[in-house]
N, C-alpha and C. Protein backbone atom coordinates (compact mmCIF):
# COMPACT_ATOMS: atom_id res chain seq x y z
N MET A 1 0.85 -1.16 0.00
CA MET A 1 0.00 0.00 0.00
C MET A 1 0.90 1.24 0.00
N GLN A 2 0.59 2.18 -0.85
CA GLN A 2 1.40 3.38 -0.97
C GLN A 2 1.32 4.21 0.31
N PRO A 3 2.42 4.87 0.68
CA PRO A 3 2.44 5.66 1.91
C PRO A 3 1.35 6.74 1.97
N ARG A 4 0.95 7.29 0.85
CA ARG A 4 -0.07 8.35 0.88
C ARG A 4 -1.44 7.80 1.29
N PHE A 5 -1.62 6.49 1.23
CA PHE A 5 -2.88 5.87 1.63
C PHE A 5 -2.84 5.34 3.07
N ARG A 6 -1.72 5.52 3.76
CA ARG A 6 -1.61 4.98 5.11
C ARG A 6 -1.99 6.01 6.15
N LEU A 7 -2.66 5.53 7.17
CA LEU A 7 -3.02 6.34 8.32
C LEU A 7 -1.91 6.10 9.34
N HIS A 8 -1.08 7.12 9.58
CA HIS A 8 0.14 6.93 10.36
C HIS A 8 0.03 7.35 11.82
N ARG A 9 -0.42 8.56 12.03
CA ARG A 9 -0.30 9.16 13.36
C ARG A 9 -1.19 8.48 14.38
N THR A 10 -0.64 8.29 15.57
CA THR A 10 -1.37 7.67 16.66
C THR A 10 -2.64 8.44 16.97
N SER A 11 -2.56 9.76 16.93
CA SER A 11 -3.74 10.57 17.23
C SER A 11 -4.85 10.35 16.21
N ASP A 12 -4.48 10.16 14.94
CA ASP A 12 -5.49 9.88 13.91
C ASP A 12 -6.13 8.51 14.12
N ILE A 13 -5.32 7.52 14.46
CA ILE A 13 -5.84 6.18 14.70
C ILE A 13 -6.74 6.18 15.93
N GLN A 14 -6.36 6.89 16.97
CA GLN A 14 -7.21 6.99 18.17
C GLN A 14 -8.52 7.68 17.85
N ARG A 15 -8.50 8.69 16.98
CA ARG A 15 -9.72 9.38 16.58
C ARG A 15 -10.66 8.42 15.86
N VAL A 16 -10.10 7.60 14.96
CA VAL A 16 -10.92 6.63 14.23
C VAL A 16 -11.53 5.64 15.22
N ARG A 17 -10.75 5.16 16.17
CA ARG A 17 -11.27 4.23 17.17
C ARG A 17 -12.38 4.87 18.01
N ARG A 18 -12.22 6.14 18.33
CA ARG A 18 -13.15 6.84 19.21
C ARG A 18 -14.47 7.17 18.51
N ILE A 19 -14.41 7.72 17.29
CA ILE A 19 -15.64 8.20 16.64
C ILE A 19 -16.14 7.29 15.52
N GLY A 20 -15.33 6.32 15.13
CA GLY A 20 -15.69 5.48 14.00
C GLY A 20 -16.74 4.43 14.33
N LYS A 21 -17.36 3.93 13.30
CA LYS A 21 -18.34 2.84 13.42
C LYS A 21 -17.62 1.54 13.08
N SER A 22 -17.86 0.51 13.88
CA SER A 22 -17.14 -0.74 13.66
C SER A 22 -18.03 -1.78 12.99
N TYR A 23 -17.37 -2.62 12.21
CA TYR A 23 -18.01 -3.72 11.49
C TYR A 23 -17.16 -4.96 11.74
N ALA A 24 -17.78 -6.02 12.22
CA ALA A 24 -17.02 -7.20 12.64
C ALA A 24 -17.18 -8.36 11.66
N HIS A 25 -16.15 -9.16 11.59
CA HIS A 25 -16.10 -10.40 10.82
C HIS A 25 -15.23 -11.35 11.65
N PRO A 26 -15.41 -12.66 11.51
CA PRO A 26 -14.56 -13.57 12.31
C PRO A 26 -13.06 -13.40 12.09
N LEU A 27 -12.64 -12.87 10.94
CA LEU A 27 -11.21 -12.72 10.66
C LEU A 27 -10.65 -11.34 10.99
N LEU A 28 -11.51 -10.32 11.00
CA LEU A 28 -11.02 -8.97 11.24
C LEU A 28 -12.16 -8.05 11.63
N VAL A 29 -11.79 -6.85 12.06
CA VAL A 29 -12.75 -5.81 12.41
C VAL A 29 -12.36 -4.57 11.61
N LEU A 30 -13.37 -3.89 11.06
CA LEU A 30 -13.15 -2.63 10.35
C LEU A 30 -13.77 -1.52 11.19
N VAL A 31 -13.01 -0.45 11.40
CA VAL A 31 -13.53 0.75 12.04
C VAL A 31 -13.40 1.87 11.01
N ALA A 32 -14.54 2.48 10.66
CA ALA A 32 -14.56 3.50 9.61
C ALA A 32 -15.03 4.82 10.19
N ALA A 33 -14.31 5.89 9.84
CA ALA A 33 -14.67 7.24 10.28
C ALA A 33 -14.47 8.19 9.12
N LYS A 34 -15.32 9.19 9.05
CA LYS A 34 -15.18 10.22 8.02
C LYS A 34 -13.86 10.95 8.24
N GLY A 35 -13.16 11.19 7.14
CA GLY A 35 -11.91 11.94 7.19
C GLY A 35 -12.07 13.22 6.38
N ILE A 36 -10.97 13.73 5.92
CA ILE A 36 -10.96 14.96 5.13
C ILE A 36 -10.78 14.59 3.67
N PRO A 37 -11.80 14.88 2.82
CA PRO A 37 -11.65 14.56 1.39
C PRO A 37 -10.50 15.36 0.80
N PRO A 38 -9.80 14.89 -0.19
CA PRO A 38 -10.01 13.67 -0.94
C PRO A 38 -9.24 12.48 -0.39
N ALA A 39 -8.76 12.57 0.83
CA ALA A 39 -7.93 11.51 1.40
C ALA A 39 -8.72 10.21 1.58
N ARG A 40 -8.02 9.11 1.37
CA ARG A 40 -8.50 7.75 1.68
C ARG A 40 -7.34 7.10 2.39
N ARG A 41 -7.47 6.94 3.71
CA ARG A 41 -6.33 6.42 4.46
C ARG A 41 -6.72 5.17 5.22
N VAL A 42 -5.79 4.23 5.31
CA VAL A 42 -6.03 2.94 5.95
C VAL A 42 -4.89 2.64 6.92
N ALA A 43 -5.25 2.18 8.11
CA ALA A 43 -4.27 1.69 9.08
C ALA A 43 -4.59 0.22 9.34
N VAL A 44 -3.55 -0.56 9.61
CA VAL A 44 -3.72 -1.99 9.88
C VAL A 44 -3.09 -2.27 11.24
N SER A 45 -3.81 -3.02 12.07
CA SER A 45 -3.36 -3.29 13.42
C SER A 45 -3.57 -4.76 13.74
N ALA A 46 -2.72 -5.29 14.61
CA ALA A 46 -2.86 -6.66 15.10
C ALA A 46 -2.37 -6.69 16.54
N GLY A 47 -3.24 -7.04 17.45
CA GLY A 47 -2.90 -7.09 18.87
C GLY A 47 -2.20 -8.38 19.24
N LYS A 48 -1.81 -8.48 20.49
CA LYS A 48 -1.08 -9.66 20.96
C LYS A 48 -1.92 -10.93 20.97
N ARG A 49 -3.25 -10.79 20.92
CA ARG A 49 -4.10 -11.97 20.84
C ARG A 49 -3.89 -12.72 19.52
N VAL A 50 -3.42 -12.01 18.51
CA VAL A 50 -3.18 -12.64 17.19
C VAL A 50 -2.02 -13.62 17.28
N GLY A 51 -1.04 -13.32 18.11
CA GLY A 51 0.11 -14.20 18.26
C GLY A 51 1.37 -13.39 18.55
N GLY A 52 2.50 -14.04 18.33
CA GLY A 52 3.77 -13.37 18.53
C GLY A 52 4.03 -12.36 17.43
N ALA A 53 5.19 -11.74 17.46
CA ALA A 53 5.53 -10.68 16.50
C ALA A 53 5.47 -11.17 15.06
N VAL A 54 5.93 -12.39 14.83
CA VAL A 54 5.94 -12.93 13.47
C VAL A 54 4.51 -13.08 12.95
N GLN A 55 3.63 -13.61 13.77
CA GLN A 55 2.24 -13.79 13.36
C GLN A 55 1.53 -12.45 13.17
N ARG A 56 1.78 -11.51 14.07
CA ARG A 56 1.16 -10.18 13.94
C ARG A 56 1.61 -9.48 12.67
N ASN A 57 2.89 -9.53 12.38
CA ASN A 57 3.40 -8.89 11.16
C ASN A 57 2.87 -9.58 9.90
N ARG A 58 2.75 -10.89 9.95
CA ARG A 58 2.21 -11.64 8.81
C ARG A 58 0.75 -11.25 8.58
N ALA A 59 -0.03 -11.16 9.65
CA ALA A 59 -1.44 -10.77 9.52
C ALA A 59 -1.55 -9.36 8.93
N LYS A 60 -0.71 -8.44 9.38
CA LYS A 60 -0.76 -7.07 8.87
C LYS A 60 -0.36 -7.01 7.40
N ARG A 61 0.68 -7.75 7.02
CA ARG A 61 1.09 -7.77 5.60
C ARG A 61 -0.03 -8.31 4.73
N ARG A 62 -0.68 -9.38 5.17
CA ARG A 62 -1.76 -9.99 4.39
C ARG A 62 -2.95 -9.03 4.27
N LEU A 63 -3.27 -8.32 5.33
CA LEU A 63 -4.37 -7.36 5.26
C LEU A 63 -4.05 -6.20 4.33
N ARG A 64 -2.82 -5.69 4.42
CA ARG A 64 -2.43 -4.59 3.50
C ARG A 64 -2.51 -5.04 2.05
N GLU A 65 -2.11 -6.27 1.79
CA GLU A 65 -2.17 -6.79 0.43
C GLU A 65 -3.62 -6.99 -0.02
N ALA A 66 -4.50 -7.36 0.89
CA ALA A 66 -5.91 -7.53 0.54
C ALA A 66 -6.57 -6.19 0.24
N VAL A 67 -6.10 -5.12 0.87
CA VAL A 67 -6.66 -3.78 0.66
C VAL A 67 -6.13 -3.15 -0.63
N ARG A 68 -4.91 -3.46 -1.00
CA ARG A 68 -4.24 -2.79 -2.12
C ARG A 68 -5.07 -2.74 -3.40
N PRO A 69 -5.65 -3.85 -3.88
CA PRO A 69 -6.41 -3.76 -5.13
C PRO A 69 -7.72 -2.97 -5.00
N LEU A 70 -8.16 -2.72 -3.77
CA LEU A 70 -9.42 -2.00 -3.55
C LEU A 70 -9.23 -0.50 -3.36
N MET A 71 -8.00 -0.04 -3.25
CA MET A 71 -7.75 1.37 -2.94
C MET A 71 -8.37 2.32 -3.96
N ASP A 72 -8.30 1.98 -5.25
CA ASP A 72 -8.87 2.86 -6.26
C ASP A 72 -10.39 2.90 -6.20
N SER A 73 -11.00 1.89 -5.57
CA SER A 73 -12.46 1.82 -5.47
C SER A 73 -13.00 2.44 -4.18
N LEU A 74 -12.10 2.82 -3.27
CA LEU A 74 -12.56 3.42 -2.02
C LEU A 74 -13.10 4.83 -2.25
N ALA A 75 -14.19 5.14 -1.57
CA ALA A 75 -14.75 6.48 -1.64
C ALA A 75 -13.79 7.46 -0.95
N GLU A 76 -13.80 8.68 -1.41
CA GLU A 76 -12.92 9.70 -0.83
C GLU A 76 -13.44 10.15 0.53
N GLY A 77 -12.51 10.56 1.38
CA GLY A 77 -12.87 11.14 2.66
C GLY A 77 -13.12 10.14 3.78
N TRP A 78 -12.46 8.99 3.72
CA TRP A 78 -12.63 7.98 4.77
C TRP A 78 -11.29 7.63 5.39
N ASP A 79 -11.28 7.49 6.72
CA ASP A 79 -10.15 6.94 7.45
C ASP A 79 -10.60 5.58 7.97
N LEU A 80 -9.84 4.54 7.64
CA LEU A 80 -10.24 3.17 7.96
C LEU A 80 -9.17 2.49 8.80
N LEU A 81 -9.61 1.72 9.76
CA LEU A 81 -8.71 0.94 10.59
C LEU A 81 -9.13 -0.52 10.50
N LEU A 82 -8.21 -1.38 10.08
CA LEU A 82 -8.45 -2.82 10.02
C LEU A 82 -7.70 -3.46 11.18
N VAL A 83 -8.42 -4.21 11.99
CA VAL A 83 -7.82 -4.88 13.14
C VAL A 83 -7.91 -6.38 12.91
N ALA A 84 -6.75 -7.02 12.85
CA ALA A 84 -6.70 -8.47 12.61
C ALA A 84 -7.18 -9.23 13.84
N ARG A 85 -7.87 -10.32 13.59
CA ARG A 85 -8.25 -11.25 14.65
C ARG A 85 -7.37 -12.49 14.48
N PRO A 86 -7.31 -13.36 15.51
CA PRO A 86 -6.38 -14.50 15.44
C PRO A 86 -6.52 -15.35 14.17
N GLY A 87 -7.70 -15.52 13.63
CA GLY A 87 -7.87 -16.34 12.44
C GLY A 87 -7.26 -15.77 11.18
N ALA A 88 -6.93 -14.48 11.18
CA ALA A 88 -6.39 -13.83 9.99
C ALA A 88 -5.03 -14.39 9.59
N VAL A 89 -4.30 -14.94 10.53
CA VAL A 89 -2.96 -15.45 10.25
C VAL A 89 -3.03 -16.73 9.42
N THR A 90 -3.97 -17.61 9.76
CA THR A 90 -4.02 -18.92 9.12
C THR A 90 -5.09 -19.03 8.03
N ALA A 91 -5.93 -18.03 7.90
CA ALA A 91 -7.01 -18.08 6.92
C ALA A 91 -6.46 -18.08 5.49
N ASP A 92 -7.19 -18.70 4.60
CA ASP A 92 -6.86 -18.66 3.19
C ASP A 92 -6.90 -17.21 2.72
N TYR A 93 -5.96 -16.83 1.85
CA TYR A 93 -5.90 -15.44 1.40
C TYR A 93 -7.20 -15.01 0.73
N ALA A 94 -7.82 -15.87 -0.05
CA ALA A 94 -9.07 -15.52 -0.73
C ALA A 94 -10.17 -15.21 0.29
N ASP A 95 -10.21 -15.95 1.40
CA ASP A 95 -11.18 -15.69 2.45
C ASP A 95 -10.91 -14.34 3.11
N LEU A 96 -9.64 -14.05 3.34
CA LEU A 96 -9.26 -12.78 3.97
C LEU A 96 -9.61 -11.61 3.06
N ALA A 97 -9.28 -11.73 1.78
CA ALA A 97 -9.60 -10.66 0.84
C ALA A 97 -11.11 -10.49 0.71
N GLY A 98 -11.85 -11.59 0.72
CA GLY A 98 -13.30 -11.52 0.67
C GLY A 98 -13.88 -10.84 1.90
N ALA A 99 -13.29 -11.10 3.06
CA ALA A 99 -13.75 -10.47 4.29
C ALA A 99 -13.52 -8.96 4.26
N VAL A 100 -12.37 -8.55 3.74
CA VAL A 100 -12.07 -7.12 3.62
C VAL A 100 -13.09 -6.45 2.71
N ARG A 101 -13.33 -7.05 1.55
CA ARG A 101 -14.30 -6.49 0.60
C ARG A 101 -15.70 -6.42 1.22
N LEU A 102 -16.10 -7.49 1.91
CA LEU A 102 -17.42 -7.54 2.53
C LEU A 102 -17.59 -6.41 3.56
N LEU A 103 -16.58 -6.22 4.40
CA LEU A 103 -16.67 -5.17 5.42
C LEU A 103 -16.65 -3.78 4.80
N PHE A 104 -15.87 -3.59 3.73
CA PHE A 104 -15.88 -2.30 3.04
C PHE A 104 -17.26 -2.02 2.46
N GLN A 105 -17.90 -3.06 1.92
CA GLN A 105 -19.24 -2.89 1.36
C GLN A 105 -20.26 -2.60 2.46
N LYS A 106 -20.16 -3.31 3.59
CA LYS A 106 -21.06 -3.06 4.72
C LYS A 106 -20.94 -1.62 5.21
N ALA A 107 -19.71 -1.13 5.24
CA ALA A 107 -19.47 0.23 5.73
C ALA A 107 -19.85 1.28 4.70
N GLY A 108 -20.06 0.87 3.47
CA GLY A 108 -20.43 1.81 2.42
C GLY A 108 -19.27 2.68 1.94
N VAL A 109 -18.07 2.16 2.01
CA VAL A 109 -16.90 2.94 1.61
C VAL A 109 -16.37 2.55 0.22
N LEU A 110 -17.03 1.61 -0.45
CA LEU A 110 -16.61 1.21 -1.79
C LEU A 110 -17.47 1.90 -2.84
N ASP A 111 -16.83 2.42 -3.87
CA ASP A 111 -17.53 2.92 -5.04
C ASP A 111 -17.54 1.79 -6.05
N ASP A 112 -18.56 0.96 -6.03
CA ASP A 112 -18.61 -0.23 -6.89
C ASP A 112 -19.22 0.03 -8.26
N HIS A 113 -19.44 1.27 -8.63
CA HIS A 113 -20.11 1.55 -9.89
C HIS A 113 -19.33 1.07 -11.11
N ASP A 114 -18.01 1.01 -11.04
CA ASP A 114 -17.22 0.55 -12.19
C ASP A 114 -16.43 -0.70 -11.86
N GLU A 115 -16.86 -1.45 -10.87
CA GLU A 115 -16.09 -2.58 -10.41
C GLU A 115 -16.04 -3.74 -11.40
N HIS A 116 -17.18 -4.08 -12.04
CA HIS A 116 -17.23 -5.21 -12.96
C HIS A 116 -17.88 -4.79 -14.27
N PRO A 117 -17.16 -4.03 -15.11
CA PRO A 117 -17.77 -3.57 -16.35
C PRO A 117 -18.19 -4.71 -17.29
N ALA A 118 -17.53 -5.85 -17.22
CA ALA A 118 -17.87 -6.97 -18.11
C ALA A 118 -19.25 -7.55 -17.77
N ARG A 119 -19.66 -7.42 -16.51
CA ARG A 119 -20.96 -7.96 -16.10
C ARG A 119 -22.11 -6.98 -16.30
N ALA A 120 -21.82 -5.77 -16.72
CA ALA A 120 -22.86 -4.75 -16.83
C ALA A 120 -23.94 -5.13 -17.83
N GLY A 121 -23.59 -5.88 -18.84
CA GLY A 121 -24.56 -6.25 -19.87
C GLY A 121 -25.49 -7.36 -19.47
N GLY A 122 -25.19 -8.10 -18.49
CA GLY A 122 -26.13 -9.16 -18.14
C GLY A 122 -25.64 -10.09 -17.19
């Protein structure tokens, strides 16, 4: 994920946790809060419940990779926090990417109008 799309500052992440709306899935939790347009920023977190440092870093890398293809489809003006749950480390990548997409859709942060142009005809 490009640095311009990352939510870096602790104060920004705490703001998202405080005022954001959360959406849960067995593999991860999404916390979404309105930001300043045209920014679309994402932070990825994994607590000690996920495992040791190796497992936490692996979960965060996998989540960042699952978000990367969706960045162009994200609506402007959102700050998003993805929190890995223990299952994110061992889950199949397709399941993890599907969970990310599902939570983004639940939160209403995806602009899906041009997502599948080949299916538009039928």
